[in-house]
């Protein structure tokens, strides 16, 4: 059984769910980008070490 958020304003529950989804997706993009930057920096460091 899914619990419903008690809200005073219609649509607020859907807005909250969408906001949480956007934050989650933003965090995923940030992790992906951080991994790309880390790989790039490691490759640059490898080149400089030679």
C-alpha atoms as a PDB file:
ATOM      1  CA  UNK A   1       0.000   0.000   0.000  1.00  0.00           C
ATOM      2  CA  UNK A   2       1.410   3.351  -1.022  1.00  0.00           C
ATOM      3  CA  UNK A   3       1.291   6.162   1.510  1.00  0.00           C
ATOM      4  CA  UNK A   4      -0.091   9.436   0.294  1.00  0.00           C
ATOM      5  CA  UNK A   5       1.480  12.719   1.258  1.00  0.00           C
ATOM      6  CA  UNK A   6      -1.080  14.977   2.876  1.00  0.00           C
ATOM      7  CA  UNK A   7      -0.834  18.338   1.164  1.00  0.00           C
ATOM      8  CA  UNK A   8      -2.775  21.545   1.428  1.00  0.00           C
ATOM      9  CA  UNK A   9      -2.229  22.390  -2.229  1.00  0.00           C
ATOM     10  CA  UNK A  10      -3.356  20.233  -5.163  1.00  0.00           C
ATOM     11  CA  UNK A  11      -0.450  19.014  -7.301  1.00  0.00           C
ATOM     12  CA  UNK A  12       2.136  19.523  -4.586  1.00  0.00           C
ATOM     13  CA  UNK A  13       2.720  15.771  -4.232  1.00  0.00           C
ATOM     14  CA  UNK A  14       3.449  15.445  -7.962  1.00  0.00           C
ATOM     15  CA  UNK A  15       5.746  18.479  -7.827  1.00  0.00           C
ATOM     16  CA  UNK A  16       7.642  16.941  -4.935  1.00  0.00           C
ATOM     17  CA  UNK A  17       8.019  13.627  -6.758  1.00  0.00           C
ATOM     18  CA  UNK A  18       9.307  15.414  -9.873  1.00  0.00           C
ATOM     19  CA  UNK A  19      11.720  17.505  -7.808  1.00  0.00           C
ATOM     20  CA  UNK A  20      13.117  14.375  -6.159  1.00  0.00           C
ATOM     21  CA  UNK A  21      13.502  12.723  -9.585  1.00  0.00           C
ATOM     22  CA  UNK A  22      15.337  15.779 -10.963  1.00  0.00           C
ATOM     23  CA  UNK A  23      17.700  15.822  -7.979  1.00  0.00           C
ATOM     24  CA  UNK A  24      18.368  12.093  -8.386  1.00  0.00           C
ATOM     25  CA  UNK A  25      19.084  12.433 -12.117  1.00  0.00           C
ATOM     26  CA  UNK A  26      21.293  15.470 -11.506  1.00  0.00           C
ATOM     27  CA  UNK A  27      23.324  13.437  -8.998  1.00  0.00           C
ATOM     28  CA  UNK A  28      23.692  10.619 -11.543  1.00  0.00           C
ATOM     29  CA  UNK A  29      24.935  13.073 -14.188  1.00  0.00           C
ATOM     30  CA  UNK A  30      27.360  14.580 -11.666  1.00  0.00           C
ATOM     31  CA  UNK A  31      28.785  11.138 -10.799  1.00  0.00           C
ATOM     32  CA  UNK A  32      29.157  10.294 -14.496  1.00  0.00           C
ATOM     33  CA  UNK A  33      30.869  13.619 -15.205  1.00  0.00           C
ATOM     34  CA  UNK A  34      33.190  13.227 -12.198  1.00  0.00           C
ATOM     35  CA  UNK A  35      34.224   9.797 -13.476  1.00  0.00           C
ATOM     36  CA  UNK A  36      34.947  11.223 -16.928  1.00  0.00           C
ATOM     37  CA  UNK A  37      37.039  14.040 -15.467  1.00  0.00           C
ATOM     38  CA  UNK A  38      38.920  11.593 -13.221  1.00  0.00           C
ATOM     39  CA  UNK A  39      39.753   9.377 -16.218  1.00  0.00           C
ATOM     40  CA  UNK A  40      40.888  12.394 -18.208  1.00  0.00           C
ATOM     41  CA  UNK A  41      43.100  13.639 -15.372  1.00  0.00           C
ATOM     42  CA  UNK A  42      44.581  10.171 -14.914  1.00  0.00           C
ATOM     43  CA  UNK A  43      45.392  10.027 -18.628  1.00  0.00           C
ATOM     44  CA  UNK A  44      47.005  13.474 -18.472  1.00  0.00           C
ATOM     45  CA  UNK A  45      49.053  12.467 -15.419  1.00  0.00           C
ATOM     46  CA  UNK A  46      50.175   9.314 -17.243  1.00  0.00           C
ATOM     47  CA  UNK A  47      51.373  11.402 -20.185  1.00  0.00           C
ATOM     48  CA  UNK A  48      53.270  13.786 -17.901  1.00  0.00           C
ATOM     49  CA  UNK A  49      54.911  10.900 -16.010  1.00  0.00           C
ATOM     50  CA  UNK A  50      56.588   9.593 -19.155  1.00  0.00           C
END
